[in-house]
Amino acid sequence: MDNPFTERQAAIFKALGHPARLRMVDALTAGARCVCELQELVGSDMSTVSKHLSVLKKTGIVQDERRGNNIYYSIALPCVTGFLQCTRQAVERAGISPAPEQTGRTDAAD
C-alpha cells in the first residue's frame, strides 16, 4: 500500500543514508558553508558534491543562499541536528569515535 507520508519520510532517511551527504549535513549543523568548503570536506569533485546537495535540498534537509559568486548551504530541517546527535551517541557507545574531519568540527569551521 502506497502512503505518501511515509514515502516522504523514507526519502529523507534515504538522503541521509549516503556517507558523503551525512558528513555534509553534520558539518552544516555548525552553520552555513559554501559549496567549496563542502567539496573539500568530502573530497569529491564539484559535480558529485552538487548532486549530493541537490538530493538534500529536494528532500528539504538543506537550503541554499547565493552570496555574491558563492552558494552557501544551511540546515532547513532543524530536527536533523538532534537526530544526528542521537546517532552519534549510539555509534560512540559502540566504541567508535568520529574523526574531526568527519564531523565538520575543525578549527576552520569556527
C-alpha atoms as a PDB file:
ATOM      1  CA  MET A   1       0.000   0.000   0.000  1.00  0.00           C
ATOM      2  CA  ASP A   2       1.442   3.361  -1.016  1.00  0.00           C
ATOM      3  CA  ASN A   3       1.425   6.055   1.613  1.00  0.00           C
ATOM      4  CA  PRO A   4       2.746   9.484   0.513  1.00  0.00           C
ATOM      5  CA  PHE A   5       3.513  10.485   4.086  1.00  0.00           C
ATOM      6  CA  THR A   6       5.767   7.530   4.892  1.00  0.00           C
ATOM      7  CA  GLU A   7       7.275   7.618   1.402  1.00  0.00           C
ATOM      8  CA  ARG A   8       8.340  11.219   2.047  1.00  0.00           C
ATOM      9  CA  GLN A   9       9.801  10.239   5.407  1.00  0.00           C
ATOM     10  CA  ALA A  10      11.685   7.390   3.740  1.00  0.00           C
ATOM     11  CA  ALA A  11      13.081   9.819   1.144  1.00  0.00           C
ATOM     12  CA  ILE A  12      14.542  11.929   3.959  1.00  0.00           C
ATOM     13  CA  PHE A  13      16.197   8.897   5.558  1.00  0.00           C
ATOM     14  CA  LYS A  14      17.463   7.757   2.161  1.00  0.00           C
ATOM     15  CA  ALA A  15      19.003  11.196   1.536  1.00  0.00           C
ATOM     16  CA  LEU A  16      20.832  10.927   4.853  1.00  0.00           C
ATOM     17  CA  GLY A  17      21.904   7.369   4.046  1.00  0.00           C
ATOM     18  CA  HIS A  18      24.947   8.262   1.945  1.00  0.00           C
ATOM     19  CA  PRO A  19      28.169   8.849   3.944  1.00  0.00           C
ATOM     20  CA  ALA A  20      29.166  11.959   1.968  1.00  0.00           C
ATOM     21  CA  ARG A  21      25.735  13.549   2.371  1.00  0.00           C
ATOM     22  CA  LEU A  22      25.694  12.679   6.055  1.00  0.00           C
ATOM     23  CA  ARG A  23      29.115  14.320   6.517  1.00  0.00           C
ATOM     24  CA  MET A  24      27.917  17.462   4.745  1.00  0.00           C
ATOM     25  CA  VAL A  25      24.751  17.672   6.829  1.00  0.00           C
ATOM     26  CA  ASP A  26      26.739  17.100  10.010  1.00  0.00           C
ATOM     27  CA  ALA A  27      29.096  19.932   9.053  1.00  0.00           C
ATOM     28  CA  LEU A  28      26.145  22.204   8.334  1.00  0.00           C
ATOM     29  CA  THR A  29      24.817  21.731  11.864  1.00  0.00           C
ATOM     30  CA  ALA A  30      27.652  24.060  12.919  1.00  0.00           C
ATOM     31  CA  GLY A  31      26.495  26.752  10.463  1.00  0.00           C
ATOM     32  CA  ALA A  32      26.244  27.633   6.792  1.00  0.00           C
ATOM     33  CA  ARG A  33      29.043  26.524   4.483  1.00  0.00           C
ATOM     34  CA  CYS A  34      29.887  27.369   0.900  1.00  0.00           C
ATOM     35  CA  VAL A  35      29.932  24.604  -1.668  1.00  0.00           C
ATOM     36  CA  CYS A  36      33.730  24.828  -1.904  1.00  0.00           C
ATOM     37  CA  GLU A  37      34.054  24.023   1.820  1.00  0.00           C
ATOM     38  CA  LEU A  38      31.722  21.045   1.484  1.00  0.00           C
ATOM     39  CA  GLN A  39      33.671  19.832  -1.541  1.00  0.00           C
ATOM     40  CA  GLU A  40      36.885  19.938   0.465  1.00  0.00           C
ATOM     41  CA  LEU A  41      35.197  18.169   3.383  1.00  0.00           C
ATOM     42  CA  VAL A  42      34.041  15.163   1.369  1.00  0.00           C
ATOM     43  CA  GLY A  43      36.909  15.152  -1.133  1.00  0.00           C
ATOM     44  CA  SER A  44      34.734  14.762  -4.209  1.00  0.00           C
ATOM     45  CA  ASP A  45      34.583  16.715  -7.446  1.00  0.00           C
ATOM     46  CA  MET A  46      32.194  19.658  -7.735  1.00  0.00           C
ATOM     47  CA  SER A  47      29.722  17.746  -9.905  1.00  0.00           C
ATOM     48  CA  THR A  48      29.369  14.969  -7.326  1.00  0.00           C
ATOM     49  CA  VAL A  49      29.000  17.422  -4.437  1.00  0.00           C
ATOM     50  CA  SER A  50      26.359  19.364  -6.376  1.00  0.00           C
ATOM     51  CA  LYS A  51      24.381  16.167  -6.979  1.00  0.00           C
ATOM     52  CA  HIS A  52      24.517  15.287  -3.286  1.00  0.00           C
ATOM     53  CA  LEU A  53      23.387  18.786  -2.320  1.00  0.00           C
ATOM     54  CA  SER A  54      20.556  18.574  -4.833  1.00  0.00           C
ATOM     55  CA  VAL A  55      19.269  15.399  -3.148  1.00  0.00           C
ATOM     56  CA  LEU A  56      19.473  17.063   0.273  1.00  0.00           C
ATOM     57  CA  LYS A  57      17.721  20.193  -0.979  1.00  0.00           C
ATOM     58  CA  LYS A  58      14.985  18.251  -2.787  1.00  0.00           C
ATOM     59  CA  THR A  59      14.101  16.443   0.436  1.00  0.00           C
ATOM     60  CA  GLY A  60      14.048  19.689   2.423  1.00  0.00           C
ATOM     61  CA  ILE A  61      17.058  18.905   4.602  1.00  0.00           C
ATOM     62  CA  VAL A  62      19.140  21.851   3.409  1.00  0.00           C
ATOM     63  CA  GLN A  63      18.524  25.215   1.788  1.00  0.00           C
ATOM     64  CA  ASP A  64      20.799  27.401  -0.272  1.00  0.00           C
ATOM     65  CA  GLU A  65      21.536  31.096  -0.487  1.00  0.00           C
ATOM     66  CA  ARG A  66      23.604  32.954  -3.049  1.00  0.00           C
ATOM     67  CA  ARG A  67      26.161  35.353  -1.560  1.00  0.00           C
ATOM     68  CA  GLY A  68      27.979  37.105  -4.361  1.00  0.00           C
ATOM     69  CA  ASN A  69      29.576  34.427  -6.515  1.00  0.00           C
ATOM     70  CA  ASN A  70      29.221  31.698  -3.884  1.00  0.00           C
ATOM     71  CA  ILE A  71      26.328  29.500  -2.862  1.00  0.00           C
ATOM     72  CA  TYR A  72      26.024  28.725   0.836  1.00  0.00           C
ATOM     73  CA  TYR A  73      24.066  25.826   2.253  1.00  0.00           C
ATOM     74  CA  SER A  74      22.477  25.594   5.667  1.00  0.00           C
ATOM     75  CA  ILE A  75      20.159  23.273   7.548  1.00  0.00           C
ATOM     76  CA  ALA A  76      16.493  23.709   6.599  1.00  0.00           C
ATOM     77  CA  LEU A  77      15.201  20.815   8.724  1.00  0.00           C
ATOM     78  CA  PRO A  78      16.178  21.745  12.298  1.00  0.00           C
ATOM     79  CA  CYS A  79      15.261  18.384  13.830  1.00  0.00           C
ATOM     80  CA  VAL A  80      18.054  16.721  11.837  1.00  0.00           C
ATOM     81  CA  THR A  81      20.546  18.209  14.302  1.00  0.00           C
ATOM     82  CA  GLY A  82      19.041  16.280  17.219  1.00  0.00           C
ATOM     83  CA  PHE A  83      18.777  13.141  15.129  1.00  0.00           C
ATOM     84  CA  LEU A  84      22.468  13.332  14.197  1.00  0.00           C
ATOM     85  CA  GLN A  85      23.384  13.878  17.848  1.00  0.00           C
ATOM     86  CA  CYS A  86      21.347  10.809  18.790  1.00  0.00           C
ATOM     87  CA  THR A  87      23.006   8.621  16.158  1.00  0.00           C
ATOM     88  CA  ARG A  88      26.443   9.990  17.114  1.00  0.00           C
ATOM     89  CA  GLN A  89      25.853   8.884  20.711  1.00  0.00           C
ATOM     90  CA  ALA A  90      24.751   5.429  19.565  1.00  0.00           C
ATOM     91  CA  VAL A  91      27.895   4.999  17.454  1.00  0.00           C
ATOM     92  CA  GLU A  92      30.139   6.259  20.247  1.00  0.00           C
ATOM     93  CA  ARG A  93      28.517   3.773  22.663  1.00  0.00           C
ATOM     94  CA  ALA A  94      29.617   1.096  20.202  1.00  0.00           C
ATOM     95  CA  GLY A  95      33.196   2.287  20.774  1.00  0.00           C
ATOM     96  CA  ILE A  96      33.712   4.284  17.573  1.00  0.00           C
ATOM     97  CA  SER A  97      34.802   7.911  17.812  1.00  0.00           C
ATOM     98  CA  PRO A  98      34.363  10.347  14.922  1.00  0.00           C
ATOM     99  CA  ALA A  99      37.442  11.895  13.365  1.00  0.00           C
ATOM    100  CA  PRO A 100      37.388  15.730  13.356  1.00  0.00           C
ATOM    101  CA  GLU A 101      37.227  15.858   9.559  1.00  0.00           C
ATOM    102  CA  GLN A 102      34.190  13.572   9.609  1.00  0.00           C
ATOM    103  CA  THR A 103      32.161  15.810  11.883  1.00  0.00           C
ATOM    104  CA  GLY A 104      32.940  19.088  10.199  1.00  0.00           C
ATOM    105  CA  ARG A 105      34.005  20.459  13.548  1.00  0.00           C
ATOM    106  CA  THR A 106      37.515  21.578  12.761  1.00  0.00           C
ATOM    107  CA  ASP A 107      39.227  24.840  13.670  1.00  0.00           C
ATOM    108  CA  ALA A 108      38.428  26.126  10.167  1.00  0.00           C
ATOM    109  CA  ALA A 109      34.718  25.767  10.920  1.00  0.00           C
ATOM    110  CA  ASP A 110      34.831  28.204  13.840  1.00  0.00           C
END
